[in-house]
Amino acid sequence: MNRPEPMSPITEDDIADYLVNTPDFFERHASLLATVQLTHPQSHRAVGLQERQAQMLRDKIKGLEHRIMDMIRHGNENMVLTDRLHRWSCELLVTAPDQLAELAVDNIRSLFQVPQVALRLWSLQAEHAQAPYAQGASEAVQILASSLDRPYVGPNAAYEAVQWLDEPSQAASLALLALRSAPGQPAFGLLILASPDAQRFNSLMGTDLLERLAELAGAALSVLHEAKA
């Protein structure tokens, strides 16, 4: 006589599948809901199912509130930066050409609270070729600038341009912005922003604002650039 094969034990997954596929189970056994006891995540005491569900909802709402607050904070920060960029652009529009470079640097330092800023331009019109900002950009720097499709942000990797800063040893992180008269043109300048904070400019940060800054600076300072025949 053949013995019946032993039945496989019921697993938690079997129970879960049954409850999911039998939505009226707790309607037929409503008294079970009042007797189910779970462990509270903070106090570790036994609580009823309804209280545990309420706690889960409170935790979810709290998490959503934190996300909303983060979104509001980032939105406010972006509005502040956008306002500063607008103010900086307006200043450039009403500044005389021979004062543009100095004002661009000073306003970046003050409006965006960047500890150190330096600028070098090359291939300038004759009347601007002897200005301080037109000195000291080697061929290697010019090649580096033209190779930058977007701003470099990251640690101070002993770039030659760091020596333009007042305190090169205090530059732990950098942003290097190539300046062009128009997209796709060779660079005619390099703007360097530096901070003693190693995380102020890092490879994980977005560069949209810096890209706009470079485009605006390049367009404004292009009036100093040597005209090509």
C-alpha atoms as a PDB file:
ATOM      1  CA  MET A   1       0.000   0.000   0.000  1.00  0.00           C
ATOM      2  CA  ASN A   2       1.427   3.358  -1.032  1.00  0.00           C
ATOM      3  CA  ARG A   3       1.807   5.924   1.665  1.00  0.00           C
ATOM      4  CA  PRO A   4       0.556   9.441   0.829  1.00  0.00           C
ATOM      5  CA  GLU A   5       3.324  11.932   0.228  1.00  0.00           C
ATOM      6  CA  PRO A   6       3.755  14.333   3.155  1.00  0.00           C
ATOM      7  CA  MET A   7       2.378  17.800   2.517  1.00  0.00           C
ATOM      8  CA  SER A   8       4.826  20.696   2.254  1.00  0.00           C
ATOM      9  CA  PRO A   9       4.659  23.011   5.271  1.00  0.00           C
ATOM     10  CA  ILE A  10       2.790  26.269   4.779  1.00  0.00           C
ATOM     11  CA  THR A  11       5.181  29.186   4.392  1.00  0.00           C
ATOM     12  CA  GLU A  12       4.793  32.876   5.175  1.00  0.00           C
ATOM     13  CA  ASP A  13       4.648  33.526   1.441  1.00  0.00           C
ATOM     14  CA  ASP A  14       1.706  31.105   1.158  1.00  0.00           C
ATOM     15  CA  ILE A  15      -0.127  33.005   3.903  1.00  0.00           C
ATOM     16  CA  ALA A  16       0.655  36.374   2.325  1.00  0.00           C
ATOM     17  CA  ASP A  17      -0.526  35.169  -1.099  1.00  0.00           C
ATOM     18  CA  TYR A  18      -3.740  33.834   0.415  1.00  0.00           C
ATOM     19  CA  LEU A  19      -4.524  37.121   2.184  1.00  0.00           C
ATOM     20  CA  VAL A  20      -3.749  39.164  -0.947  1.00  0.00           C
ATOM     21  CA  ASN A  21      -6.009  36.956  -3.052  1.00  0.00           C
ATOM     22  CA  THR A  22      -8.763  36.755  -0.417  1.00  0.00           C
ATOM     23  CA  PRO A  23      -9.573  40.402   0.375  1.00  0.00           C
ATOM     24  CA  ASP A  24     -12.767  39.520   2.265  1.00  0.00           C
ATOM     25  CA  PHE A  25     -10.916  37.319   4.789  1.00  0.00           C
ATOM     26  CA  PHE A  26     -10.795  40.046   7.453  1.00  0.00           C
ATOM     27  CA  GLU A  27     -14.415  40.937   6.772  1.00  0.00           C
ATOM     28  CA  ARG A  28     -15.376  37.406   7.745  1.00  0.00           C
ATOM     29  CA  HIS A  29     -12.909  37.404  10.664  1.00  0.00           C
ATOM     30  CA  ALA A  30     -13.043  41.029  11.810  1.00  0.00           C
ATOM     31  CA  SER A  31     -12.319  40.072  15.415  1.00  0.00           C
ATOM     32  CA  LEU A  32      -8.787  39.013  14.415  1.00  0.00           C
ATOM     33  CA  LEU A  33      -7.797  42.629  13.703  1.00  0.00           C
ATOM     34  CA  ALA A  34      -8.388  43.567  17.326  1.00  0.00           C
ATOM     35  CA  THR A  35      -6.232  40.721  18.621  1.00  0.00           C
ATOM     36  CA  VAL A  36      -3.197  41.053  16.333  1.00  0.00           C
ATOM     37  CA  GLN A  37      -0.232  42.465  18.298  1.00  0.00           C
ATOM     38  CA  LEU A  38       2.873  43.968  16.689  1.00  0.00           C
ATOM     39  CA  THR A  39       6.056  45.490  18.058  1.00  0.00           C
ATOM     40  CA  HIS A  40       6.296  49.278  18.139  1.00  0.00           C
ATOM     41  CA  PRO A  41       9.498  50.315  16.246  1.00  0.00           C
ATOM     42  CA  GLN A  42      10.590  52.874  18.886  1.00  0.00           C
ATOM     43  CA  SER A  43       9.343  51.596  22.240  1.00  0.00           C
ATOM     44  CA  HIS A  44       9.417  47.894  21.272  1.00  0.00           C
ATOM     45  CA  ARG A  45       6.192  47.372  23.196  1.00  0.00           C
ATOM     46  CA  ALA A  46       3.306  45.346  21.794  1.00  0.00           C
ATOM     47  CA  VAL A  47       0.677  47.432  19.987  1.00  0.00           C
ATOM     48  CA  GLY A  48      -2.448  46.691  18.042  1.00  0.00           C
ATOM     49  CA  LEU A  49      -2.460  46.394  14.269  1.00  0.00           C
ATOM     50  CA  GLN A  50      -4.396  49.613  13.819  1.00  0.00           C
ATOM     51  CA  GLU A  51      -1.969  51.558  16.025  1.00  0.00           C
ATOM     52  CA  ARG A  52       0.951  50.090  14.093  1.00  0.00           C
ATOM     53  CA  GLN A  53      -0.651  51.108  10.788  1.00  0.00           C
ATOM     54  CA  ALA A  54      -1.238  54.603  12.131  1.00  0.00           C
ATOM     55  CA  GLN A  55       2.437  54.819  13.158  1.00  0.00           C
ATOM     56  CA  MET A  56       3.515  53.691   9.692  1.00  0.00           C
ATOM     57  CA  LEU A  57       1.340  56.387   8.142  1.00  0.00           C
ATOM     58  CA  ARG A  58       2.783  59.016  10.506  1.00  0.00           C
ATOM     59  CA  ASP A  59       6.317  57.950   9.569  1.00  0.00           C
ATOM     60  CA  LYS A  60       5.457  58.116   5.860  1.00  0.00           C
ATOM     61  CA  ILE A  61       3.917  61.573   6.249  1.00  0.00           C
ATOM     62  CA  LYS A  62       6.973  62.759   8.198  1.00  0.00           C
ATOM     63  CA  GLY A  63       9.235  61.490   5.419  1.00  0.00           C
ATOM     64  CA  LEU A  64       7.156  63.304   2.804  1.00  0.00           C
ATOM     65  CA  GLU A  65       7.254  66.494   4.874  1.00  0.00           C
ATOM     66  CA  HIS A  66      11.056  66.305   5.000  1.00  0.00           C
ATOM     67  CA  ARG A  67      11.212  65.874   1.224  1.00  0.00           C
ATOM     68  CA  ILE A  68       8.901  68.842   0.693  1.00  0.00           C
ATOM     69  CA  MET A  69      11.009  70.987   3.041  1.00  0.00           C
ATOM     70  CA  ASP A  70      14.160  69.986   1.131  1.00  0.00           C
ATOM     71  CA  MET A  71      12.484  70.920  -2.157  1.00  0.00           C
ATOM     72  CA  ILE A  72      11.429  74.308  -0.744  1.00  0.00           C
ATOM     73  CA  ARG A  73      14.923  74.944   0.637  1.00  0.00           C
ATOM     74  CA  HIS A  74      16.581  74.062  -2.683  1.00  0.00           C
ATOM     75  CA  GLY A  75      14.026  76.192  -4.512  1.00  0.00           C
ATOM     76  CA  ASN A  76      14.787  79.172  -2.273  1.00  0.00           C
ATOM     77  CA  GLU A  77      18.526  78.687  -2.731  1.00  0.00           C
ATOM     78  CA  ASN A  78      18.093  78.557  -6.502  1.00  0.00           C
ATOM     79  CA  MET A  79      16.035  81.754  -6.424  1.00  0.00           C
ATOM     80  CA  VAL A  80      18.765  83.517  -4.450  1.00  0.00           C
ATOM     81  CA  LEU A  81      21.448  82.367  -6.903  1.00  0.00           C
ATOM     82  CA  THR A  82      19.335  83.341  -9.895  1.00  0.00           C
ATOM     83  CA  ASP A  83      18.804  86.802  -8.409  1.00  0.00           C
ATOM     84  CA  ARG A  84      22.538  87.224  -7.847  1.00  0.00           C
ATOM     85  CA  LEU A  85      23.309  86.114 -11.398  1.00  0.00           C
ATOM     86  CA  HIS A  86      20.777  88.631 -12.706  1.00  0.00           C
ATOM     87  CA  ARG A  87      22.294  91.444 -10.649  1.00  0.00           C
ATOM     88  CA  TRP A  88      25.793  90.487 -11.831  1.00  0.00           C
ATOM     89  CA  SER A  89      24.651  90.510 -15.468  1.00  0.00           C
ATOM     90  CA  CYS A  90      23.008  93.920 -15.109  1.00  0.00           C
ATOM     91  CA  GLU A  91      26.215  95.363 -13.661  1.00  0.00           C
ATOM     92  CA  LEU A  92      28.208  94.066 -16.646  1.00  0.00           C
ATOM     93  CA  LEU A  93      25.790  95.665 -19.103  1.00  0.00           C
ATOM     94  CA  VAL A  94      26.319  99.184 -17.747  1.00  0.00           C
ATOM     95  CA  THR A  95      30.080  99.006 -17.115  1.00  0.00           C
ATOM     96  CA  ALA A  96      32.693 100.622 -19.351  1.00  0.00           C
ATOM     97  CA  PRO A  97      34.905  98.149 -21.265  1.00  0.00           C
ATOM     98  CA  ASP A  98      38.112  99.132 -19.456  1.00  0.00           C
ATOM     99  CA  GLN A  99      36.477  98.302 -16.101  1.00  0.00           C
ATOM    100  CA  LEU A 100      34.657  95.111 -17.120  1.00  0.00           C
ATOM    101  CA  ALA A 101      37.285  92.565 -16.088  1.00  0.00           C
ATOM    102  CA  GLU A 102      37.842  94.050 -12.643  1.00  0.00           C
ATOM    103  CA  LEU A 103      34.116  94.408 -11.968  1.00  0.00           C
ATOM    104  CA  ALA A 104      33.371  90.852 -13.132  1.00  0.00           C
ATOM    105  CA  VAL A 105      35.905  89.443 -10.672  1.00  0.00           C
ATOM    106  CA  ASP A 106      34.922  91.674  -7.760  1.00  0.00           C
ATOM    107  CA  ASN A 107      31.210  90.987  -8.154  1.00  0.00           C
ATOM    108  CA  ILE A 108      31.675  87.240  -8.361  1.00  0.00           C
ATOM    109  CA  ARG A 109      33.702  87.398  -5.156  1.00  0.00           C
ATOM    110  CA  SER A 110      31.091  89.462  -3.314  1.00  0.00           C
ATOM    111  CA  LEU A 111      27.746  88.333  -4.775  1.00  0.00           C
ATOM    112  CA  PHE A 112      28.519  84.612  -4.808  1.00  0.00           C
ATOM    113  CA  GLN A 113      30.758  84.694  -1.728  1.00  0.00           C
ATOM    114  CA  VAL A 114      33.727  83.044  -3.419  1.00  0.00           C
ATOM    115  CA  PRO A 115      36.895  83.527  -1.314  1.00  0.00           C
ATOM    116  CA  GLN A 116      39.289  83.823  -4.263  1.00  0.00           C
ATOM    117  CA  VAL A 117      38.678  84.719  -7.898  1.00  0.00           C
ATOM    118  CA  ALA A 118      41.150  85.375 -10.708  1.00  0.00           C
ATOM    119  CA  LEU A 119      40.839  86.088 -14.416  1.00  0.00           C
ATOM    120  CA  ARG A 120      43.188  86.054 -17.390  1.00  0.00           C
ATOM    121  CA  LEU A 121      42.363  87.016 -20.977  1.00  0.00           C
ATOM    122  CA  TRP A 122      44.421  86.761 -24.157  1.00  0.00           C
ATOM    123  CA  SER A 123      44.199  87.751 -27.840  1.00  0.00           C
ATOM    124  CA  LEU A 124      42.858  91.142 -26.799  1.00  0.00           C
ATOM    125  CA  GLN A 125      42.587  94.412 -28.682  1.00  0.00           C
ATOM    126  CA  ALA A 126      45.763  96.490 -28.549  1.00  0.00           C
ATOM    127  CA  GLU A 127      44.392  99.041 -26.056  1.00  0.00           C
ATOM    128  CA  HIS A 128      43.722  96.242 -23.517  1.00  0.00           C
ATOM    129  CA  ALA A 129      46.745  94.022 -24.184  1.00  0.00           C
ATOM    130  CA  GLN A 130      48.851  95.589 -21.416  1.00  0.00           C
ATOM    131  CA  ALA A 131      46.216  95.350 -18.676  1.00  0.00           C
ATOM    132  CA  PRO A 132      47.083  93.184 -15.625  1.00  0.00           C
ATOM    133  CA  TYR A 133      44.402  90.631 -16.523  1.00  0.00           C
ATOM    134  CA  ALA A 134      46.042  90.171 -19.955  1.00  0.00           C
ATOM    135  CA  GLN A 135      49.350  88.990 -18.484  1.00  0.00           C
ATOM    136  CA  GLY A 136      50.597  85.544 -17.489  1.00  0.00           C
ATOM    137  CA  ALA A 137      48.396  83.144 -19.447  1.00  0.00           C
ATOM    138  CA  SER A 138      50.816  80.621 -20.896  1.00  0.00           C
ATOM    139  CA  GLU A 139      50.184  78.585 -24.020  1.00  0.00           C
ATOM    140  CA  ALA A 140      49.473  75.562 -21.820  1.00  0.00           C
ATOM    141  CA  VAL A 141      46.763  77.495 -19.959  1.00  0.00           C
ATOM    142  CA  GLN A 142      45.241  78.633 -23.240  1.00  0.00           C
ATOM    143  CA  ILE A 143      45.156  75.070 -24.535  1.00  0.00           C
ATOM    144  CA  LEU A 144      43.580  73.892 -21.263  1.00  0.00           C
ATOM    145  CA  ALA A 145      40.889  76.566 -21.467  1.00  0.00           C
ATOM    146  CA  SER A 146      39.976  75.699 -25.046  1.00  0.00           C
ATOM    147  CA  SER A 147      39.709  72.020 -24.068  1.00  0.00           C
ATOM    148  CA  LEU A 148      37.082  72.716 -21.383  1.00  0.00           C
ATOM    149  CA  ASP A 149      33.628  71.996 -22.813  1.00  0.00           C
ATOM    150  CA  ARG A 150      32.134  72.643 -19.377  1.00  0.00           C
ATOM    151  CA  PRO A 151      33.531  74.034 -16.114  1.00  0.00           C
ATOM    152  CA  TYR A 152      36.020  71.930 -14.217  1.00  0.00           C
ATOM    153  CA  VAL A 153      35.001  71.527 -10.575  1.00  0.00           C
ATOM    154  CA  GLY A 154      37.099  69.554  -8.139  1.00  0.00           C
ATOM    155  CA  PRO A 155      40.266  69.502  -6.062  1.00  0.00           C
ATOM    156  CA  ASN A 156      43.267  71.687  -6.668  1.00  0.00           C
ATOM    157  CA  ALA A 157      45.320  69.496  -8.978  1.00  0.00           C
ATOM    158  CA  ALA A 158      48.247  71.942  -9.137  1.00  0.00           C
ATOM    159  CA  TYR A 159      46.888  73.789 -12.146  1.00  0.00           C
ATOM    160  CA  GLU A 160      49.106  76.605 -13.348  1.00  0.00           C
ATOM    161  CA  ALA A 161      46.196  79.054 -13.102  1.00  0.00           C
ATOM    162  CA  VAL A 162      46.097  78.595  -9.317  1.00  0.00           C
ATOM    163  CA  GLN A 163      49.175  80.809  -9.127  1.00  0.00           C
ATOM    164  CA  TRP A 164      47.051  83.755 -10.296  1.00  0.00           C
ATOM    165  CA  LEU A 165      45.251  83.729  -6.950  1.00  0.00           C
ATOM    166  CA  ASP A 166      46.329  85.942  -4.069  1.00  0.00           C
ATOM    167  CA  GLU A 167      46.718  82.907  -1.796  1.00  0.00           C
ATOM    168  CA  PRO A 168      47.313  79.792  -3.914  1.00  0.00           C
ATOM    169  CA  SER A 169      48.008  77.630  -0.856  1.00  0.00           C
ATOM    170  CA  GLN A 170      44.460  78.299   0.405  1.00  0.00           C
ATOM    171  CA  ALA A 171      42.820  76.863  -2.717  1.00  0.00           C
ATOM    172  CA  ALA A 172      41.535  73.409  -1.727  1.00  0.00           C
ATOM    173  CA  SER A 173      38.842  73.202  -4.405  1.00  0.00           C
ATOM    174  CA  LEU A 174      38.479  74.956  -7.737  1.00  0.00           C
ATOM    175  CA  ALA A 175      36.142  75.861 -10.545  1.00  0.00           C
ATOM    176  CA  LEU A 176      37.784  76.603 -13.894  1.00  0.00           C
ATOM    177  CA  LEU A 177      35.569  78.412 -16.421  1.00  0.00           C
ATOM    178  CA  ALA A 178      36.634  78.859 -20.019  1.00  0.00           C
ATOM    179  CA  LEU A 179      35.458  82.135 -21.569  1.00  0.00           C
ATOM    180  CA  ARG A 180      34.336  82.240 -25.215  1.00  0.00           C
ATOM    181  CA  SER A 181      32.818  84.975 -27.331  1.00  0.00           C
ATOM    182  CA  ALA A 182      30.253  82.435 -28.572  1.00  0.00           C
ATOM    183  CA  PRO A 183      29.627  78.670 -28.193  1.00  0.00           C
ATOM    184  CA  GLY A 184      32.076  76.605 -30.219  1.00  0.00           C
ATOM    185  CA  GLN A 185      34.674  79.371 -30.417  1.00  0.00           C
ATOM    186  CA  PRO A 186      38.201  78.968 -29.020  1.00  0.00           C
ATOM    187  CA  ALA A 187      38.569  80.239 -25.460  1.00  0.00           C
ATOM    188  CA  PHE A 188      40.037  83.717 -25.039  1.00  0.00           C
ATOM    189  CA  GLY A 189      40.030  83.666 -21.238  1.00  0.00           C
ATOM    190  CA  LEU A 190      39.959  81.565 -18.103  1.00  0.00           C
ATOM    191  CA  LEU A 191      38.141  82.412 -14.887  1.00  0.00           C
ATOM    192  CA  ILE A 192      39.202  80.575 -11.737  1.00  0.00           C
ATOM    193  CA  LEU A 193      37.135  80.366  -8.544  1.00  0.00           C
ATOM    194  CA  ALA A 194      38.762  78.894  -5.447  1.00  0.00           C
ATOM    195  CA  SER A 195      37.809  78.009  -1.887  1.00  0.00           C
ATOM    196  CA  PRO A 196      39.631  76.644   1.181  1.00  0.00           C
ATOM    197  CA  ASP A 197      36.652  74.293   1.601  1.00  0.00           C
ATOM    198  CA  ALA A 198      37.492  71.060  -0.224  1.00  0.00           C
ATOM    199  CA  GLN A 199      33.785  70.421  -0.859  1.00  0.00           C
ATOM    200  CA  ARG A 200      32.807  73.899  -2.115  1.00  0.00           C
ATOM    201  CA  PHE A 201      33.582  72.837  -5.687  1.00  0.00           C
ATOM    202  CA  ASN A 202      33.299  69.079  -6.111  1.00  0.00           C
ATOM    203  CA  SER A 203      32.750  66.643  -8.974  1.00  0.00           C
ATOM    204  CA  LEU A 204      29.234  65.748  -7.767  1.00  0.00           C
ATOM    205  CA  MET A 205      27.837  69.265  -7.880  1.00  0.00           C
ATOM    206  CA  GLY A 206      25.746  70.601 -10.729  1.00  0.00           C
ATOM    207  CA  THR A 207      27.478  73.073 -13.035  1.00  0.00           C
ATOM    208  CA  ASP A 208      24.462  74.786 -14.643  1.00  0.00           C
ATOM    209  CA  LEU A 209      25.020  78.055 -12.761  1.00  0.00           C
ATOM    210  CA  LEU A 210      28.748  78.026 -13.514  1.00  0.00           C
ATOM    211  CA  GLU A 211      28.037  77.382 -17.197  1.00  0.00           C
ATOM    212  CA  ARG A 212      25.685  80.385 -17.314  1.00  0.00           C
ATOM    213  CA  LEU A 213      28.302  82.432 -15.480  1.00  0.00           C
ATOM    214  CA  ALA A 214      30.964  81.485 -18.035  1.00  0.00           C
ATOM    215  CA  GLU A 215      28.665  82.216 -20.994  1.00  0.00           C
ATOM    216  CA  LEU A 216      27.688  85.638 -19.643  1.00  0.00           C
ATOM    217  CA  ALA A 217      31.260  86.563 -18.738  1.00  0.00           C
ATOM    218  CA  GLY A 218      32.504  85.446 -22.152  1.00  0.00           C
ATOM    219  CA  ALA A 219      29.828  87.437 -23.965  1.00  0.00           C
ATOM    220  CA  ALA A 220      30.435  90.568 -21.877  1.00  0.00           C
ATOM    221  CA  LEU A 221      34.229  90.446 -22.056  1.00  0.00           C
ATOM    222  CA  SER A 222      34.243  89.671 -25.780  1.00  0.00           C
ATOM    223  CA  VAL A 223      34.227  93.439 -26.401  1.00  0.00           C
ATOM    224  CA  LEU A 224      37.888  93.337 -25.297  1.00  0.00           C
ATOM    225  CA  HIS A 225      38.689  90.450 -27.639  1.00  0.00           C
ATOM    226  CA  GLU A 226      40.758  91.037 -30.737  1.00  0.00           C
ATOM    227  CA  ALA A 227      38.547  91.271 -33.839  1.00  0.00           C
ATOM    228  CA  LYS A 228      39.331  88.641 -36.439  1.00  0.00           C
ATOM    229  CA  ALA A 229      39.479  89.570 -40.081  1.00  0.00           C
END
